[in-house]
Amino acid sequence: MWSETKRALEEAGWPVVAPDLPGPEAEPSLAAWADHVLRSVEGALVPVGVSMGGYVSFELWRRARDRIVALALVDTRARPDTEEGRRARDENIDLVRDIGAAALWERLAPKLFGPAPPPETVARAREIALEQGSERLAAALAAMRDRADATPLLGEIDVPALVVAGDDDALIPVAEAEALARALPHARLVRIPGAGHLPPLERPDQLNAALVSFLAEAVP
């Protein structure tokens, strides 16, 4: 999903590491994922994450805030799942384990994209999802279901933050991104017209431009 963004950032002079999450052991724990990321890169870092990648970014802050010089949070939120949301995660875990990854894709796909996504974008997203396999998807769903509330952290995140929202995100509405940006001490909000929940696939040029501009200003 990050291939175009990785290329754009590297062309702008930024070294990029794209860890494979949840990793080969598929641990259902954001803490384990954060530890995997921290082992994958040395020194200062700028976490960039979409949705559950944002949840990992908050976990990285808990563990290694002294190494984080900025962060970018794309179509994500700080608050944990509601009880209704946790029940939905459990239903999806059962679905993916009982029927398979394709069944989960069919359930979630209508909520992932902005209006009239190109067929090749949908096909690529589907390919990525099915590549994960049932156990990795189940681990990801469990990790998101059990994540801690990051809202108390927001006022402590005293580094520059970029908050990006797809204008047509049906899963995490723009209003949540606006609230997240207001709660972070040094945040800027960028909205991407026509994007749903997956800007790196739907609108990579706009997302990449926002990231390159942000890094040039935020990171010495």
Protein backbone atom coordinates (compact mmCIF):
# COMPACT_ATOMS: atom_id res chain seq x y z
CA MET A 1 0.00 0.00 0.00
CA TRP A 2 2.89 2.34 0.72
CA SER A 3 4.97 1.76 -2.40
CA GLU A 4 4.21 5.10 -4.08
CA THR A 5 4.59 7.04 -0.85
CA LYS A 6 7.87 5.30 -0.06
CA ARG A 7 9.21 6.21 -3.49
CA ALA A 8 8.07 9.84 -3.22
CA LEU A 9 9.65 10.31 0.21
CA GLU A 10 12.91 8.69 -0.86
CA GLU A 11 13.04 10.92 -3.93
CA ALA A 12 12.65 13.89 -1.56
CA GLY A 13 15.67 12.65 0.40
CA TRP A 14 14.00 10.87 3.33
CA PRO A 15 15.06 7.34 4.33
CA VAL A 16 12.00 5.12 4.68
CA VAL A 17 11.42 1.84 6.49
CA ALA A 18 8.12 0.04 5.88
CA PRO A 19 7.87 -2.77 8.47
CA ASP A 20 5.65 -5.75 7.70
CA LEU A 21 2.89 -5.74 10.30
CA PRO A 22 1.63 -7.66 12.20
CA GLY A 23 4.80 -9.58 11.40
CA PRO A 24 5.49 -13.26 10.83
CA GLU A 25 4.18 -14.35 14.23
CA ALA A 26 0.94 -12.37 13.76
CA GLU A 27 0.75 -11.38 17.42
CA PRO A 28 -2.60 -9.74 18.26
CA SER A 29 -0.96 -6.88 20.14
CA LEU A 30 -0.17 -3.30 19.16
CA ALA A 31 2.58 -3.34 21.78
CA ALA A 32 4.29 -6.25 20.00
CA TRP A 33 3.91 -4.45 16.68
CA ALA A 34 5.47 -1.29 18.11
CA ASP A 35 8.39 -3.30 19.44
CA HIS A 36 8.83 -4.81 15.97
CA VAL A 37 8.95 -1.32 14.45
CA LEU A 38 11.47 -0.10 17.01
CA ARG A 39 13.73 -3.04 16.22
CA SER A 40 13.45 -2.25 12.51
CA VAL A 41 14.82 1.30 12.63
CA GLU A 42 17.54 3.04 14.58
CA GLY A 43 17.62 6.56 15.94
CA ALA A 44 15.03 9.28 15.43
CA LEU A 45 11.87 8.46 13.54
CA VAL A 46 8.66 9.92 12.16
CA PRO A 47 5.84 7.36 12.35
CA VAL A 48 3.41 7.57 9.43
CA GLY A 49 0.31 5.41 9.73
CA VAL A 50 -3.13 4.97 8.24
CA SER A 51 -5.95 3.81 10.51
CA MET A 52 -4.41 0.98 12.57
CA GLY A 53 -1.01 2.43 11.65
CA GLY A 54 -2.09 5.46 13.65
CA TYR A 55 -2.86 3.20 16.60
CA VAL A 56 0.66 1.81 16.30
CA SER A 57 2.01 5.37 16.25
CA PHE A 58 0.38 6.07 19.60
CA GLU A 59 1.91 2.87 20.97
CA LEU A 60 5.32 3.99 19.68
CA TRP A 61 4.88 7.26 21.54
CA ARG A 62 4.18 5.36 24.75
CA ARG A 63 7.35 3.34 24.30
CA ALA A 64 9.87 5.65 22.67
CA ARG A 65 8.72 9.25 22.70
CA ASP A 66 12.31 10.41 22.99
CA ARG A 67 12.96 9.02 19.49
CA ILE A 68 9.91 10.52 17.79
CA VAL A 69 10.55 13.92 16.19
CA ALA A 70 7.20 14.22 14.37
CA LEU A 71 4.32 12.00 13.33
CA ALA A 72 1.68 11.73 10.62
CA LEU A 73 -1.73 10.30 11.45
CA VAL A 74 -3.90 9.42 8.45
CA ASP A 75 -7.58 8.49 8.77
CA THR A 76 -7.20 7.36 12.37
CA ARG A 77 -8.52 8.17 15.83
CA ALA A 78 -7.29 8.25 19.42
CA ARG A 79 -10.26 6.79 21.24
CA PRO A 80 -10.72 3.02 21.63
CA ASP A 81 -13.45 0.88 20.16
CA THR A 82 -16.90 1.26 21.64
CA GLU A 83 -18.64 -1.85 22.93
CA GLU A 84 -20.50 -1.98 19.63
CA GLY A 85 -17.21 -1.66 17.77
CA ARG A 86 -15.66 -4.47 19.81
CA ARG A 87 -18.59 -6.74 19.01
CA ALA A 88 -18.17 -5.92 15.33
CA ARG A 89 -14.45 -6.83 15.54
CA ASP A 90 -15.40 -10.16 17.12
CA GLU A 91 -17.89 -10.84 14.35
CA ASN A 92 -15.26 -10.06 11.74
CA ILE A 93 -12.72 -12.32 13.46
CA ASP A 94 -15.23 -15.17 13.37
CA LEU A 95 -16.01 -14.39 9.73
CA VAL A 96 -12.41 -14.40 8.56
CA ARG A 97 -11.59 -17.58 10.49
CA ASP A 98 -14.73 -19.46 9.47
CA ILE A 99 -15.04 -18.39 5.83
CA GLY A 100 -11.81 -16.61 4.91
CA ALA A 101 -10.22 -13.31 4.02
CA ALA A 102 -12.35 -12.85 0.92
CA ALA A 103 -15.51 -12.80 3.02
CA LEU A 104 -14.10 -10.07 5.26
CA TRP A 105 -13.08 -8.08 2.18
CA GLU A 106 -16.60 -8.24 0.76
CA ARG A 107 -18.02 -6.96 4.04
CA LEU A 108 -15.61 -4.05 4.46
CA ALA A 109 -14.87 -2.97 0.88
CA PRO A 110 -17.97 -0.77 0.44
CA LYS A 111 -16.79 1.40 3.36
CA LEU A 112 -13.16 1.79 2.32
CA PHE A 113 -13.24 4.08 -0.70
CA GLY A 114 -14.40 7.49 -1.77
CA PRO A 115 -16.89 7.91 -4.60
CA ALA A 116 -16.26 6.03 -7.87
CA PRO A 117 -12.82 4.57 -7.08
CA PRO A 118 -10.88 3.36 -10.14
CA PRO A 119 -11.30 -0.40 -10.59
CA GLU A 120 -7.54 -0.88 -10.49
CA THR A 121 -7.38 0.79 -7.06
CA VAL A 122 -10.06 -1.51 -5.68
CA ALA A 123 -8.35 -4.53 -7.24
CA ARG A 124 -5.00 -3.60 -5.71
CA ALA A 125 -6.54 -3.09 -2.27
CA ARG A 126 -8.29 -6.44 -2.52
CA GLU A 127 -5.05 -8.13 -3.53
CA ILE A 128 -3.23 -6.66 -0.53
CA ALA A 129 -6.01 -7.70 1.83
CA LEU A 130 -6.17 -11.28 0.60
CA GLU A 131 -2.37 -11.61 0.73
CA GLN A 132 -2.55 -11.22 4.51
CA GLY A 133 -4.36 -14.49 5.10
CA SER A 134 -6.91 -15.29 7.77
CA GLU A 135 -4.61 -15.47 10.80
CA ARG A 136 -2.88 -12.17 10.14
CA LEU A 137 -6.21 -10.44 9.58
CA ALA A 138 -7.65 -11.97 12.73
CA ALA A 139 -4.60 -10.79 14.69
CA ALA A 140 -4.99 -7.28 13.30
CA LEU A 141 -8.68 -7.19 14.22
CA ALA A 142 -7.94 -8.41 17.75
CA ALA A 143 -5.14 -5.87 18.22
CA MET A 144 -7.41 -3.02 17.15
CA ARG A 145 -10.27 -4.30 19.32
CA ASP A 146 -8.07 -4.38 22.42
CA ARG A 147 -6.15 -1.15 21.92
CA ALA A 148 -5.84 1.31 24.79
CA ASP A 149 -7.42 4.73 24.76
CA ALA A 150 -4.85 7.18 23.35
CA THR A 151 -6.89 10.27 24.15
CA PRO A 152 -4.96 11.00 27.40
CA LEU A 153 -1.72 11.02 25.39
CA LEU A 154 -2.71 13.72 22.94
CA GLY A 155 -1.83 16.71 25.07
CA GLU A 156 1.61 15.18 25.74
CA ILE A 157 2.52 14.76 22.06
CA ASP A 158 4.61 17.90 21.84
CA VAL A 159 6.15 17.25 18.41
CA PRO A 160 4.81 18.44 15.04
CA ALA A 161 1.90 16.31 13.87
CA LEU A 162 0.21 16.02 10.50
CA VAL A 163 -3.40 14.85 10.63
CA VAL A 164 -4.77 13.74 7.26
CA ALA A 165 -8.42 12.98 6.55
CA GLY A 166 -10.07 11.61 3.46
CA ASP A 167 -13.10 13.79 2.89
CA ASP A 168 -15.21 10.74 2.09
CA ASP A 169 -13.96 8.37 4.78
CA ALA A 170 -16.99 6.36 5.92
CA LEU A 171 -15.11 4.59 8.71
CA ILE A 172 -13.46 7.57 10.47
CA PRO A 173 -15.31 10.78 9.56
CA VAL A 174 -13.58 14.10 9.03
CA ALA A 175 -15.06 15.40 12.29
CA GLU A 176 -12.88 12.93 14.19
CA ALA A 177 -9.77 14.11 12.37
CA GLU A 178 -10.67 17.69 13.21
CA ALA A 179 -11.05 16.79 16.88
CA LEU A 180 -7.74 14.92 16.82
CA ALA A 181 -5.96 17.92 15.30
CA ARG A 182 -7.44 20.24 17.90
CA ALA A 183 -6.26 18.02 20.75
CA LEU A 184 -2.67 17.77 19.54
CA PRO A 185 -0.55 20.78 20.61
CA HIS A 186 1.31 21.19 17.30
CA ALA A 187 -0.93 19.73 14.59
CA ARG A 188 -1.96 20.71 11.12
CA LEU A 189 -4.96 19.18 9.39
CA VAL A 190 -5.00 18.29 5.70
CA ARG A 191 -8.18 17.08 4.02
CA ILE A 192 -7.98 15.10 0.78
CA PRO A 193 -11.02 15.54 -1.48
CA GLY A 194 -12.38 12.38 -3.01
CA ALA A 195 -10.42 10.05 -0.71
CA GLY A 196 -12.02 7.51 1.56
CA HIS A 197 -10.16 5.45 4.15
CA LEU A 198 -7.07 4.61 2.07
CA PRO A 199 -5.39 7.78 0.75
CA PRO A 200 -2.07 6.01 -0.07
CA LEU A 201 -3.97 3.99 -2.68
CA GLU A 202 -6.76 6.40 -3.62
CA ARG A 203 -4.97 9.76 -3.76
CA PRO A 204 -1.23 9.04 -3.44
CA ASP A 205 -0.10 12.27 -5.13
CA GLN A 206 -2.03 14.47 -2.70
CA LEU A 207 -0.95 12.48 0.33
CA ASN A 208 2.68 12.40 -0.75
CA ALA A 209 2.73 16.14 -1.39
CA ALA A 210 1.32 16.77 2.08
CA LEU A 211 3.90 14.49 3.70
CA VAL A 212 6.86 15.96 1.82
CA SER A 213 5.78 19.52 2.70
CA PHE A 214 5.20 18.61 6.33
CA LEU A 215 8.54 16.87 6.75
CA ALA A 216 10.43 19.74 5.14
CA GLU A 217 9.00 22.12 7.72
CA ALA A 218 8.74 19.86 10.78
CA VAL A 219 12.00 17.93 10.79
CA PRO A 220 15.32 19.79 11.12
